[in-house]
Amino acid sequence: MDTIVTHVDYAIIRDILSAKMDTLYGIYPYTILPSNRVYTCPYHSEVEVGSAANDVHIYGDAVDMHSDSTTWQGLHDAAQNLDVRPCVEPQSQSTTNHVHMDFRTVSTSFYYRSSCPSGW
């Protein structure tokens, strides 16, 4: 009998993501931790969250940092101004309860893409 694994007992968090989260934590210590989502296993991402099957969160290159309507813009702008510029989701494609940041454009990314989505 085959066993179907739906969740995993590990997480992938890439060094670049961890380092840049630390930088932002120095600016917004009560905002980004706890984060809404960092690593998501493929099953949870697709079935439970409803994300695309190849969502960037399954590669450990993305974080959804907790925010609210008073902190969203500042955290978004701080993320966009990091020395290694991440892809940062615009509010029009999100909500104010989190700021999505990912490093898909870093050449060592498991989910490497040459550019961010249009408008990011």
PDB file of N, CA and C in Angstrom:
ATOM      1  N   MET A   1       0.835  -1.174   0.000  1.00  0.00           N
ATOM      2  CA  MET A   1       0.000   0.000   0.000  1.00  0.00           C
ATOM      3  C   MET A   1       0.884   1.241   0.000  1.00  0.00           C
ATOM      4  N   ASP A   2       0.593   2.159  -0.893  1.00  0.00           N
ATOM      5  CA  ASP A   2       1.331   3.417  -0.958  1.00  0.00           C
ATOM      6  C   ASP A   2       0.786   4.400   0.071  1.00  0.00           C
ATOM      7  N   THR A   3       1.695   5.178   0.653  1.00  0.00           N
ATOM      8  CA  THR A   3       1.309   6.225   1.584  1.00  0.00           C
ATOM      9  C   THR A   3       1.353   7.554   0.849  1.00  0.00           C
ATOM     10  N   ILE A   4       0.297   8.322   0.976  1.00  0.00           N
ATOM     11  CA  ILE A   4       0.261   9.634   0.359  1.00  0.00           C
ATOM     12  C   ILE A   4       0.672  10.655   1.405  1.00  0.00           C
ATOM     13  N   VAL A   5       1.741  11.374   1.127  1.00  0.00           N
ATOM     14  CA  VAL A   5       2.236  12.391   2.045  1.00  0.00           C
ATOM     15  C   VAL A   5       1.609  13.724   1.661  1.00  0.00           C
ATOM     16  N   THR A   6       0.918  14.333   2.625  1.00  0.00           N
ATOM     17  CA  THR A   6       0.277  15.606   2.328  1.00  0.00           C
ATOM     18  C   THR A   6       1.041  16.788   2.910  1.00  0.00           C
ATOM     19  N   HIS A   7       1.780  16.586   3.972  1.00  0.00           N
ATOM     20  CA  HIS A   7       2.565  17.664   4.569  1.00  0.00           C
ATOM     21  C   HIS A   7       3.955  17.140   4.892  1.00  0.00           C
ATOM     22  N   VAL A   8       4.875  18.036   5.078  1.00  0.00           N
ATOM     23  CA  VAL A   8       6.240  17.656   5.405  1.00  0.00           C
ATOM     24  C   VAL A   8       6.628  18.251   6.747  1.00  0.00           C
ATOM     25  N   ASP A   9       7.644  17.665   7.377  1.00  0.00           N
ATOM     26  CA  ASP A   9       8.101  18.114   8.687  1.00  0.00           C
ATOM     27  C   ASP A   9       9.339  18.989   8.605  1.00  0.00           C
ATOM     28  N   TYR A  10       9.506  19.682   7.516  1.00  0.00           N
ATOM     29  CA  TYR A  10      10.661  20.559   7.357  1.00  0.00           C
ATOM     30  C   TYR A  10      10.225  21.820   6.625  1.00  0.00           C
ATOM     31  N   ALA A  11      11.099  22.781   6.621  1.00  0.00           N
ATOM     32  CA  ALA A  11      10.850  24.014   5.873  1.00  0.00           C
ATOM     33  C   ALA A  11      12.127  24.407   5.157  1.00  0.00           C
ATOM     34  N   ILE A  12      11.979  25.021   4.020  1.00  0.00           N
ATOM     35  CA  ILE A  12      13.107  25.548   3.266  1.00  0.00           C
ATOM     36  C   ILE A  12      13.049  27.068   3.383  1.00  0.00           C
ATOM     37  N   ILE A  13      14.090  27.652   3.920  1.00  0.00           N
ATOM     38  CA  ILE A  13      14.201  29.106   3.967  1.00  0.00           C
ATOM     39  C   ILE A  13      15.580  29.455   3.452  1.00  0.00           C
ATOM     40  N   ARG A  14      15.631  30.068   2.312  1.00  0.00           N
ATOM     41  CA  ARG A  14      16.897  30.380   1.663  1.00  0.00           C
ATOM     42  C   ARG A  14      17.652  31.459   2.430  1.00  0.00           C
ATOM     43  N   ASP A  15      18.980  31.434   2.342  1.00  0.00           N
ATOM     44  CA  ASP A  15      19.833  32.387   3.059  1.00  0.00           C
ATOM     45  C   ASP A  15      19.489  33.839   2.731  1.00  0.00           C
ATOM     46  N   ILE A  16      19.259  34.147   1.460  1.00  0.00           N
ATOM     47  CA  ILE A  16      18.970  35.528   1.077  1.00  0.00           C
ATOM     48  C   ILE A  16      17.689  36.009   1.730  1.00  0.00           C
ATOM     49  N   LEU A  17      16.681  35.155   1.789  1.00  0.00           N
ATOM     50  CA  LEU A  17      15.413  35.532   2.411  1.00  0.00           C
ATOM     51  C   LEU A  17      15.599  35.759   3.904  1.00  0.00           C
ATOM     52  N   SER A  18      16.287  34.860   4.556  1.00  0.00           N
ATOM     53  CA  SER A  18      16.539  34.999   5.991  1.00  0.00           C
ATOM     54  C   SER A  18      17.308  36.278   6.302  1.00  0.00           C
ATOM     55  N   ALA A  19      18.339  36.562   5.534  1.00  0.00           N
ATOM     56  CA  ALA A  19      19.161  37.757   5.772  1.00  0.00           C
ATOM     57  C   ALA A  19      18.353  39.035   5.571  1.00  0.00           C
ATOM     58  N   LYS A  20      17.559  39.079   4.531  1.00  0.00           N
ATOM     59  CA  LYS A  20      16.792  40.302   4.253  1.00  0.00           C
ATOM     60  C   LYS A  20      15.611  40.455   5.214  1.00  0.00           C
ATOM     61  N   MET A  21      15.061  39.355   5.708  1.00  0.00           N
ATOM     62  CA  MET A  21      14.054  39.450   6.759  1.00  0.00           C
ATOM     63  C   MET A  21      14.679  40.025   8.032  1.00  0.00           C
ATOM     64  N   ASP A  22      15.909  39.620   8.322  1.00  0.00           N
ATOM     65  CA  ASP A  22      16.613  40.181   9.485  1.00  0.00           C
ATOM     66  C   ASP A  22      16.791  41.689   9.327  1.00  0.00           C
ATOM     67  N   THR A  23      17.147  42.131   8.127  1.00  0.00           N
ATOM     68  CA  THR A  23      17.305  43.566   7.873  1.00  0.00           C
ATOM     69  C   THR A  23      15.992  44.303   8.128  1.00  0.00           C
ATOM     70  N   LEU A  24      14.905  43.777   7.597  1.00  0.00           N
ATOM     71  CA  LEU A  24      13.606  44.422   7.783  1.00  0.00           C
ATOM     72  C   LEU A  24      13.142  44.348   9.231  1.00  0.00           C
ATOM     73  N   TYR A  25      13.489  43.272   9.913  1.00  0.00           N
ATOM     74  CA  TYR A  25      13.120  43.143  11.319  1.00  0.00           C
ATOM     75  C   TYR A  25      13.772  44.251  12.149  1.00  0.00           C
ATOM     76  N   GLY A  26      14.960  44.693  11.744  1.00  0.00           N
ATOM     77  CA  GLY A  26      15.618  45.794  12.434  1.00  0.00           C
ATOM     78  C   GLY A  26      14.846  47.102  12.297  1.00  0.00           C
ATOM     79  N   ILE A  27      14.069  47.231  11.237  1.00  0.00           N
ATOM     80  CA  ILE A  27      13.271  48.433  10.988  1.00  0.00           C
ATOM     81  C   ILE A  27      11.859  48.286  11.550  1.00  0.00           C
ATOM     82  N   TYR A  28      11.259  47.127  11.366  1.00  0.00           N
ATOM     83  CA  TYR A  28       9.872  46.856  11.759  1.00  0.00           C
ATOM     84  C   TYR A  28       9.785  45.605  12.650  1.00  0.00           C
ATOM     85  N   PRO A  29      10.342  45.628  13.859  1.00  0.00           N
ATOM     86  CA  PRO A  29      10.412  44.418  14.677  1.00  0.00           C
ATOM     87  C   PRO A  29       9.063  43.816  15.044  1.00  0.00           C
ATOM     88  N   TYR A  30       8.035  44.595  15.170  1.00  0.00           N
ATOM     89  CA  TYR A  30       6.742  44.045  15.570  1.00  0.00           C
ATOM     90  C   TYR A  30       5.830  43.808  14.387  1.00  0.00           C
ATOM     91  N   THR A  31       6.320  44.057  13.202  1.00  0.00           N
ATOM     92  CA  THR A  31       5.496  43.922  12.012  1.00  0.00           C
ATOM     93  C   THR A  31       5.721  42.597  11.308  1.00  0.00           C
ATOM     94  N   ILE A  32       6.953  42.257  11.006  1.00  0.00           N
ATOM     95  CA  ILE A  32       7.159  41.084  10.146  1.00  0.00           C
ATOM     96  C   ILE A  32       7.215  39.772  10.910  1.00  0.00           C
ATOM     97  N   LEU A  33       7.377  39.791  12.196  1.00  0.00           N
ATOM     98  CA  LEU A  33       7.357  38.552  12.958  1.00  0.00           C
ATOM     99  C   LEU A  33       6.226  38.602  13.961  1.00  0.00           C
ATOM    100  N   PRO A  34       5.308  37.672  13.998  1.00  0.00           N
ATOM    101  CA  PRO A  34       5.351  36.492  13.135  1.00  0.00           C
ATOM    102  C   PRO A  34       4.896  36.824  11.713  1.00  0.00           C
ATOM    103  N   SER A  35       5.462  36.117  10.772  1.00  0.00           N
ATOM    104  CA  SER A  35       5.058  36.297   9.386  1.00  0.00           C
ATOM    105  C   SER A  35       3.814  35.457   9.120  1.00  0.00           C
ATOM    106  N   ASN A  36       3.016  35.885   8.175  1.00  0.00           N
ATOM    107  CA  ASN A  36       1.829  35.119   7.810  1.00  0.00           C
ATOM    108  C   ASN A  36       2.205  33.805   7.136  1.00  0.00           C
ATOM    109  N   ARG A  37       3.253  33.854   6.303  1.00  0.00           N
ATOM    110  CA  ARG A  37       3.646  32.642   5.572  1.00  0.00           C
ATOM    111  C   ARG A  37       5.066  32.815   5.069  1.00  0.00           C
ATOM    112  N   VAL A  38       5.871  31.784   5.240  1.00  0.00           N
ATOM    113  CA  VAL A  38       7.209  31.750   4.660  1.00  0.00           C
ATOM    114  C   VAL A  38       7.222  30.530   3.752  1.00  0.00           C
ATOM    115  N   TYR A  39       7.716  29.402   4.252  1.00  0.00           N
ATOM    116  CA  TYR A  39       7.696  28.171   3.455  1.00  0.00           C
ATOM    117  C   TYR A  39       6.309  27.552   3.509  1.00  0.00           C
ATOM    118  N   THR A  40       5.856  27.039   2.389  1.00  0.00           N
ATOM    119  CA  THR A  40       4.619  26.277   2.324  1.00  0.00           C
ATOM    120  C   THR A  40       4.899  25.026   1.512  1.00  0.00           C
ATOM    121  N   CYS A  41       4.579  23.852   2.075  1.00  0.00           N
ATOM    122  CA  CYS A  41       4.791  22.622   1.314  1.00  0.00           C
ATOM    123  C   CYS A  41       3.859  22.634   0.097  1.00  0.00           C
ATOM    124  N   PRO A  42       4.217  21.903  -0.945  1.00  0.00           N
ATOM    125  CA  PRO A  42       3.418  21.939  -2.175  1.00  0.00           C
ATOM    126  C   PRO A  42       1.944  21.595  -1.969  1.00  0.00           C
ATOM    127  N   TYR A  43       1.669  20.604  -1.133  1.00  0.00           N
ATOM    128  CA  TYR A  43       0.275  20.219  -0.893  1.00  0.00           C
ATOM    129  C   TYR A  43      -0.507  21.377  -0.281  1.00  0.00           C
ATOM    130  N   HIS A  44       0.016  21.947   0.784  1.00  0.00           N
ATOM    131  CA  HIS A  44      -0.675  23.044   1.467  1.00  0.00           C
ATOM    132  C   HIS A  44      -0.840  24.249   0.538  1.00  0.00           C
ATOM    133  N   SER A  45       0.189  24.533  -0.215  1.00  0.00           N
ATOM    134  CA  SER A  45       0.143  25.678  -1.116  1.00  0.00           C
ATOM    135  C   SER A  45      -0.975  25.550  -2.141  1.00  0.00           C
ATOM    136  N   GLU A  46      -1.052  24.392  -2.775  1.00  0.00           N
ATOM    137  CA  GLU A  46      -2.020  24.212  -3.853  1.00  0.00           C
ATOM    138  C   GLU A  46      -3.424  23.894  -3.349  1.00  0.00           C
ATOM    139  N   VAL A  47      -3.531  22.960  -2.404  1.00  0.00           N
ATOM    140  CA  VAL A  47      -4.840  22.471  -1.983  1.00  0.00           C
ATOM    141  C   VAL A  47      -5.476  23.347  -0.914  1.00  0.00           C
ATOM    142  N   GLU A  48      -4.698  23.760   0.087  1.00  0.00           N
ATOM    143  CA  GLU A  48      -5.274  24.477   1.211  1.00  0.00           C
ATOM    144  C   GLU A  48      -5.240  25.993   1.055  1.00  0.00           C
ATOM    145  N   VAL A  49      -4.195  26.541   0.463  1.00  0.00           N
ATOM    146  CA  VAL A  49      -4.096  27.987   0.276  1.00  0.00           C
ATOM    147  C   VAL A  49      -4.725  28.396  -1.053  1.00  0.00           C
ATOM    148  N   GLY A  50      -4.675  27.504  -2.036  1.00  0.00           N
ATOM    149  CA  GLY A  50      -5.235  27.812  -3.341  1.00  0.00           C
ATOM    150  C   GLY A  50      -4.268  28.511  -4.269  1.00  0.00           C
ATOM    151  N   SER A  51      -2.978  28.454  -3.943  1.00  0.00           N
ATOM    152  CA  SER A  51      -1.962  29.070  -4.795  1.00  0.00           C
ATOM    153  C   SER A  51      -1.667  28.171  -5.981  1.00  0.00           C
ATOM    154  N   ALA A  52      -0.905  28.703  -6.900  1.00  0.00           N
ATOM    155  CA  ALA A  52      -0.485  27.929  -8.064  1.00  0.00           C
ATOM    156  C   ALA A  52       0.368  26.745  -7.627  1.00  0.00           C
ATOM    157  N   ALA A  53       0.360  25.689  -8.405  1.00  0.00           N
ATOM    158  CA  ALA A  53       1.121  24.492  -8.069  1.00  0.00           C
ATOM    159  C   ALA A  53       2.611  24.775  -7.948  1.00  0.00           C
ATOM    160  N   ASN A  54       3.097  25.780  -8.628  1.00  0.00           N
ATOM    161  CA  ASN A  54       4.522  26.116  -8.630  1.00  0.00           C
ATOM    162  C   ASN A  54       4.777  27.423  -7.871  1.00  0.00           C
ATOM    163  N   ASP A  55       4.014  27.659  -6.811  1.00  0.00           N
ATOM    164  CA  ASP A  55       4.102  28.894  -6.024  1.00  0.00           C
ATOM    165  C   ASP A  55       5.507  29.096  -5.466  1.00  0.00           C
ATOM    166  N   VAL A  56       5.988  30.319  -5.448  1.00  0.00           N
ATOM    167  CA  VAL A  56       7.346  30.635  -5.006  1.00  0.00           C
ATOM    168  C   VAL A  56       7.573  30.281  -3.525  1.00  0.00           C
ATOM    169  N   HIS A  57       6.522  30.205  -2.723  1.00  0.00           N
ATOM    170  CA  HIS A  57       6.678  29.847  -1.304  1.00  0.00           C
ATOM    171  C   HIS A  57       7.190  28.417  -1.110  1.00  0.00           C
ATOM    172  N   ILE A  58       6.970  27.533  -2.060  1.00  0.00           N
ATOM    173  CA  ILE A  58       7.433  26.152  -1.881  1.00  0.00           C
ATOM    174  C   ILE A  58       8.942  26.021  -2.086  1.00  0.00           C
ATOM    175  N   TYR A  59       9.588  27.073  -2.562  1.00  0.00           N
ATOM    176  CA  TYR A  59      11.024  27.044  -2.807  1.00  0.00           C
ATOM    177  C   TYR A  59      11.843  27.750  -1.725  1.00  0.00           C
ATOM    178  N   GLY A  60      11.174  28.327  -0.741  1.00  0.00           N
ATOM    179  CA  GLY A  60      11.891  28.997   0.343  1.00  0.00           C
ATOM    180  C   GLY A  60      12.438  30.359   0.010  1.00  0.00           C
ATOM    181  N   ASP A  61      11.941  30.953  -1.060  1.00  0.00           N
ATOM    182  CA  ASP A  61      12.410  32.273  -1.504  1.00  0.00           C
ATOM    183  C   ASP A  61      11.415  33.383  -1.211  1.00  0.00           C
ATOM    184  N   ALA A  62      10.321  33.103  -0.500  1.00  0.00           N
ATOM    185  CA  ALA A  62       9.254  34.089  -0.332  1.00  0.00           C
ATOM    186  C   ALA A  62       8.765  34.159   1.108  1.00  0.00           C
ATOM    187  N   VAL A  63       8.236  35.322   1.448  1.00  0.00           N
ATOM    188  CA  VAL A  63       7.617  35.531   2.759  1.00  0.00           C
ATOM    189  C   VAL A  63       6.426  36.465   2.588  1.00  0.00           C
ATOM    190  N   ASP A  64       5.384  36.205   3.349  1.00  0.00           N
ATOM    191  CA  ASP A  64       4.272  37.133   3.494  1.00  0.00           C
ATOM    192  C   ASP A  64       4.406  37.719   4.892  1.00  0.00           C
ATOM    193  N   MET A  65       4.893  38.960   4.969  1.00  0.00           N
ATOM    194  CA  MET A  65       5.173  39.602   6.251  1.00  0.00           C
ATOM    195  C   MET A  65       3.913  40.265   6.791  1.00  0.00           C
ATOM    196  N   HIS A  66       3.615  40.015   8.037  1.00  0.00           N
ATOM    197  CA  HIS A  66       2.426  40.570   8.667  1.00  0.00           C
ATOM    198  C   HIS A  66       2.462  42.095   8.636  1.00  0.00           C
ATOM    199  N   SER A  67       1.331  42.689   8.304  1.00  0.00           N
ATOM    200  CA  SER A  67       1.193  44.148   8.307  1.00  0.00           C
ATOM    201  C   SER A  67      -0.270  44.485   8.550  1.00  0.00           C
ATOM    202  N   ASP A  68      -0.557  45.762   8.598  1.00  0.00           N
ATOM    203  CA  ASP A  68      -1.937  46.237   8.660  1.00  0.00           C
ATOM    204  C   ASP A  68      -2.017  47.531   7.858  1.00  0.00           C
ATOM    205  N   SER A  69      -3.153  48.175   7.887  1.00  0.00           N
ATOM    206  CA  SER A  69      -3.332  49.356   7.043  1.00  0.00           C
ATOM    207  C   SER A  69      -2.407  50.509   7.427  1.00  0.00           C
ATOM    208  N   THR A  70      -1.894  50.516   8.663  1.00  0.00           N
ATOM    209  CA  THR A  70      -0.994  51.602   9.073  1.00  0.00           C
ATOM    210  C   THR A  70       0.475  51.285   8.806  1.00  0.00           C
ATOM    211  N   THR A  71       0.823  50.016   8.634  1.00  0.00           N
ATOM    212  CA  THR A  71       2.235  49.644   8.446  1.00  0.00           C
ATOM    213  C   THR A  71       2.550  49.138   7.047  1.00  0.00           C
ATOM    214  N   TRP A  72       1.521  48.845   6.234  1.00  0.00           N
ATOM    215  CA  TRP A  72       1.748  48.209   4.938  1.00  0.00           C
ATOM    216  C   TRP A  72       2.678  49.018   4.041  1.00  0.00           C
ATOM    217  N   GLN A  73       2.397  50.292   3.846  1.00  0.00           N
ATOM    218  CA  GLN A  73       3.175  51.091   2.896  1.00  0.00           C
ATOM    219  C   GLN A  73       4.633  51.204   3.318  1.00  0.00           C
ATOM    220  N   GLY A  74       4.893  51.461   4.581  1.00  0.00           N
ATOM    221  CA  GLY A  74       6.274  51.592   5.050  1.00  0.00           C
ATOM    222  C   GLY A  74       7.056  50.301   4.891  1.00  0.00           C
ATOM    223  N   LEU A  75       6.426  49.175   5.218  1.00  0.00           N
ATOM    224  CA  LEU A  75       7.098  47.879   5.069  1.00  0.00           C
ATOM    225  C   LEU A  75       7.309  47.557   3.596  1.00  0.00           C
ATOM    226  N   HIS A  76       6.329  47.818   2.775  1.00  0.00           N
ATOM    227  CA  HIS A  76       6.450  47.617   1.328  1.00  0.00           C
ATOM    228  C   HIS A  76       7.621  48.423   0.764  1.00  0.00           C
ATOM    229  N   ASP A  77       7.689  49.711   1.120  1.00  0.00           N
ATOM    230  CA  ASP A  77       8.753  50.576   0.615  1.00  0.00           C
ATOM    231  C   ASP A  77      10.123  50.151   1.123  1.00  0.00           C
ATOM    232  N   ALA A  78      10.200  49.754   2.393  1.00  0.00           N
ATOM    233  CA  ALA A  78      11.470  49.288   2.953  1.00  0.00           C
ATOM    234  C   ALA A  78      11.949  48.032   2.226  1.00  0.00           C
ATOM    235  N   ALA A  79      11.033  47.130   1.915  1.00  0.00           N
ATOM    236  CA  ALA A  79      11.400  45.916   1.177  1.00  0.00           C
ATOM    237  C   ALA A  79      11.917  46.268  -0.215  1.00  0.00           C
ATOM    238  N   GLN A  80      11.253  47.198  -0.879  1.00  0.00           N
ATOM    239  CA  GLN A  80      11.688  47.588  -2.222  1.00  0.00           C
ATOM    240  C   GLN A  80      13.046  48.296  -2.213  1.00  0.00           C
ATOM    241  N   ASN A  81      13.435  48.838  -1.091  1.00  0.00           N
ATOM    242  CA  ASN A  81      14.698  49.566  -1.003  1.00  0.00           C
ATOM    243  C   ASN A  81      15.845  48.759  -0.415  1.00  0.00           C
ATOM    244  N   LEU A  82      15.672  47.450  -0.259  1.00  0.00           N
ATOM    245  CA  LEU A  82      16.778  46.613   0.206  1.00  0.00           C
ATOM    246  C   LEU A  82      17.912  46.635  -0.814  1.00  0.00           C
ATOM    247  N   ASP A  83      19.122  46.359  -0.367  1.00  0.00           N
ATOM    248  CA  ASP A  83      20.264  46.390  -1.280  1.00  0.00           C
ATOM    249  C   ASP A  83      20.173  45.325  -2.368  1.00  0.00           C
ATOM    250  N   VAL A  84      19.555  44.202  -2.094  1.00  0.00           N
ATOM    251  CA  VAL A  84      19.237  43.201  -3.112  1.00  0.00           C
ATOM    252  C   VAL A  84      17.730  43.304  -3.288  1.00  0.00           C
ATOM    253  N   ARG A  85      17.309  43.891  -4.401  1.00  0.00           N
ATOM    254  CA  ARG A  85      15.889  44.202  -4.566  1.00  0.00           C
ATOM    255  C   ARG A  85      15.056  42.950  -4.809  1.00  0.00           C
ATOM    256  N   PRO A  86      14.086  42.718  -3.935  1.00  0.00           N
ATOM    257  CA  PRO A  86      13.192  41.577  -4.139  1.00  0.00           C
ATOM    258  C   PRO A  86      12.001  41.948  -5.024  1.00  0.00           C
ATOM    259  N   CYS A  87      11.226  40.954  -5.375  1.00  0.00           N
ATOM    260  CA  CYS A  87       9.923  41.191  -5.982  1.00  0.00           C
ATOM    261  C   CYS A  87       8.968  41.460  -4.821  1.00  0.00           C
ATOM    262  N   VAL A  88       8.243  42.572  -4.881  1.00  0.00           N
ATOM    263  CA  VAL A  88       7.327  42.948  -3.806  1.00  0.00           C
ATOM    264  C   VAL A  88       5.951  43.174  -4.421  1.00  0.00           C
ATOM    265  N   GLU A  89       4.993  42.410  -3.963  1.00  0.00           N
ATOM    266  CA  GLU A  89       3.641  42.456  -4.515  1.00  0.00           C
ATOM    267  C   GLU A  89       2.965  43.789  -4.210  1.00  0.00           C
ATOM    268  N   PRO A  90       2.350  44.410  -5.204  1.00  0.00           N
ATOM    269  CA  PRO A  90       1.647  45.671  -4.966  1.00  0.00           C
ATOM    270  C   PRO A  90       0.348  45.438  -4.196  1.00  0.00           C
ATOM    271  N   GLN A  91      -0.071  46.437  -3.473  1.00  0.00           N
ATOM    272  CA  GLN A  91      -1.291  46.325  -2.666  1.00  0.00           C
ATOM    273  C   GLN A  91      -2.510  45.995  -3.523  1.00  0.00           C
ATOM    274  N   SER A  92      -2.533  46.450  -4.752  1.00  0.00           N
ATOM    275  CA  SER A  92      -3.680  46.194  -5.639  1.00  0.00           C
ATOM    276  C   SER A  92      -3.867  44.704  -5.934  1.00  0.00           C
ATOM    277  N   GLN A  93      -2.820  43.907  -5.741  1.00  0.00           N
ATOM    278  CA  GLN A  93      -2.901  42.466  -5.969  1.00  0.00           C
ATOM    279  C   GLN A  93      -2.896  41.690  -4.658  1.00  0.00           C
ATOM    280  N   SER A  94      -3.054  42.372  -3.563  1.00  0.00           N
ATOM    281  CA  SER A  94      -2.925  41.764  -2.246  1.00  0.00           C
ATOM    282  C   SER A  94      -3.966  42.372  -1.311  1.00  0.00           C
ATOM    283  N   THR A  95      -3.620  42.401  -0.038  1.00  0.00           N
ATOM    284  CA  THR A  95      -4.408  43.091   0.987  1.00  0.00           C
ATOM    285  C   THR A  95      -3.411  43.793   1.893  1.00  0.00           C
ATOM    286  N   THR A  96      -3.909  44.556   2.854  1.00  0.00           N
ATOM    287  CA  THR A  96      -2.978  45.216   3.779  1.00  0.00           C
ATOM    288  C   THR A  96      -2.580  44.312   4.934  1.00  0.00           C
ATOM    289  N   ASN A  97      -3.057  43.052   4.993  1.00  0.00           N
ATOM    290  CA  ASN A  97      -2.679  42.189   6.112  1.00  0.00           C
ATOM    291  C   ASN A  97      -1.316  41.528   5.938  1.00  0.00           C
ATOM    292  N   HIS A  98      -0.699  41.721   4.769  1.00  0.00           N
ATOM    293  CA  HIS A  98       0.659  41.207   4.572  1.00  0.00           C
ATOM    294  C   HIS A  98       1.336  41.918   3.401  1.00  0.00           C
ATOM    295  N   VAL A  99       2.655  41.891   3.440  1.00  0.00           N
ATOM    296  CA  VAL A  99       3.471  42.350   2.314  1.00  0.00           C
ATOM    297  C   VAL A  99       4.223  41.118   1.817  1.00  0.00           C
ATOM    298  N   HIS A 100       3.977  40.749   0.567  1.00  0.00           N
ATOM    299  CA  HIS A 100       4.674  39.606  -0.031  1.00  0.00           C
ATOM    300  C   HIS A 100       5.995  40.089  -0.622  1.00  0.00           C
ATOM    301  N   MET A 101       7.068  39.377  -0.278  1.00  0.00           N
ATOM    302  CA  MET A 101       8.404  39.675  -0.796  1.00  0.00           C
ATOM    303  C   MET A 101       9.043  38.350  -1.192  1.00  0.00           C
ATOM    304  N   ASP A 102       9.659  38.307  -2.361  1.00  0.00           N
ATOM    305  CA  ASP A 102      10.378  37.091  -2.748  1.00  0.00           C
ATOM    306  C   ASP A 102      11.617  37.434  -3.556  1.00  0.00           C
ATOM    307  N   PHE A 103      12.502  36.461  -3.625  1.00  0.00           N
ATOM    308  CA  PHE A 103      13.793  36.650  -4.289  1.00  0.00           C
ATOM    309  C   PHE A 103      13.941  35.730  -5.495  1.00  0.00           C
ATOM    310  N   ARG A 104      12.893  35.638  -6.300  1.00  0.00           N
ATOM    311  CA  ARG A 104      12.922  34.783  -7.487  1.00  0.00           C
ATOM    312  C   ARG A 104      13.945  35.254  -8.514  1.00  0.00           C
ATOM    313  N   THR A 105      14.366  36.528  -8.463  1.00  0.00           N
ATOM    314  CA  THR A 105      15.304  37.048  -9.461  1.00  0.00           C
ATOM    315  C   THR A 105      16.760  36.866  -9.055  1.00  0.00           C
ATOM    316  N   VAL A 106      17.012  36.291  -7.891  1.00  0.00           N
ATOM    317  CA  VAL A 106      18.384  35.987  -7.468  1.00  0.00           C
ATOM    318  C   VAL A 106      18.793  34.693  -8.163  1.00  0.00           C
ATOM    319  N   SER A 107      19.930  34.705  -8.823  1.00  0.00           N
ATOM    320  CA  SER A 107      20.315  33.583  -9.687  1.00  0.00           C
ATOM    321  C   SER A 107      20.404  32.242  -8.964  1.00  0.00           C
ATOM    322  N   THR A 108      20.582  32.244  -7.656  1.00  0.00           N
ATOM    323  CA  THR A 108      20.653  30.976  -6.923  1.00  0.00           C
ATOM    324  C   THR A 108      19.282  30.491  -6.470  1.00  0.00           C
ATOM    325  N   SER A 109      18.231  31.214  -6.803  1.00  0.00           N
ATOM    326  CA  SER A 109      16.879  30.827  -6.416  1.00  0.00           C
ATOM    327  C   SER A 109      16.484  29.513  -7.077  1.00  0.00           C
ATOM    328  N   PHE A 110      15.807  28.656  -6.323  1.00  0.00           N
ATOM    329  CA  PHE A 110      15.277  27.417  -6.900  1.00  0.00           C
ATOM    330  C   PHE A 110      14.174  27.723  -7.908  1.00  0.00           C
ATOM    331  N   TYR A 111      13.550  28.881  -7.765  1.00  0.00           N
ATOM    332  CA  TYR A 111      12.433  29.309  -8.613  1.00  0.00           C
ATOM    333  C   TYR A 111      12.883  30.463  -9.505  1.00  0.00           C
ATOM    334  N   TYR A 112      14.120  30.448  -9.944  1.00  0.00           N
ATOM    335  CA  TYR A 112      14.710  31.589 -10.651  1.00  0.00           C
ATOM    336  C   TYR A 112      13.869  32.056 -11.833  1.00  0.00           C
ATOM    337  N   ARG A 113      13.640  33.367 -11.871  1.00  0.00           N
ATOM    338  CA  ARG A 113      13.007  34.044 -12.994  1.00  0.00           C
ATOM    339  C   ARG A 113      13.833  35.288 -13.273  1.00  0.00           C
ATOM    340  N   SER A 114      13.902  35.703 -14.501  1.00  0.00           N
ATOM    341  CA  SER A 114      14.750  36.840 -14.853  1.00  0.00           C
ATOM    342  C   SER A 114      14.177  38.176 -14.409  1.00  0.00           C
ATOM    343  N   SER A 115      12.874  38.213 -14.117  1.00  0.00           N
ATOM    344  CA  SER A 115      12.275  39.482 -13.677  1.00  0.00           C
ATOM    345  C   SER A 115      11.079  39.207 -12.777  1.00  0.00           C
ATOM    346  N   CYS A 116      10.652  40.245 -12.098  1.00  0.00           N
ATOM    347  CA  CYS A 116       9.450  40.173 -11.261  1.00  0.00           C
ATOM    348  C   CYS A 116       8.215  40.246 -12.166  1.00  0.00           C
ATOM    349  N   PRO A 117       7.067  39.849 -11.658  1.00  0.00           N
ATOM    350  CA  PRO A 117       5.841  40.036 -12.447  1.00  0.00           C
ATOM    351  C   PRO A 117       5.626  41.512 -12.783  1.00  0.00           C
ATOM    352  N   SER A 118       4.926  41.779 -13.829  1.00  0.00           N
ATOM    353  CA  SER A 118       4.657  43.151 -14.256  1.00  0.00           C
ATOM    354  C   SER A 118       3.966  43.923 -13.139  1.00  0.00           C
ATOM    355  N   GLY A 119       4.454  45.130 -12.871  1.00  0.00           N
ATOM    356  CA  GLY A 119       3.856  45.965 -11.855  1.00  0.00           C
ATOM    357  C   GLY A 119       4.417  45.790 -10.457  1.00  0.00           C
ATOM    358  N   TRP A 120       5.319  44.832 -10.295  1.00  0.00           N
ATOM    359  CA  TRP A 120       5.927  44.584  -8.987  1.00  0.00           C
ATOM    360  C   TRP A 120       7.195  45.398  -8.890  1.00  0.00           C
TER     361      TRP A 120
END
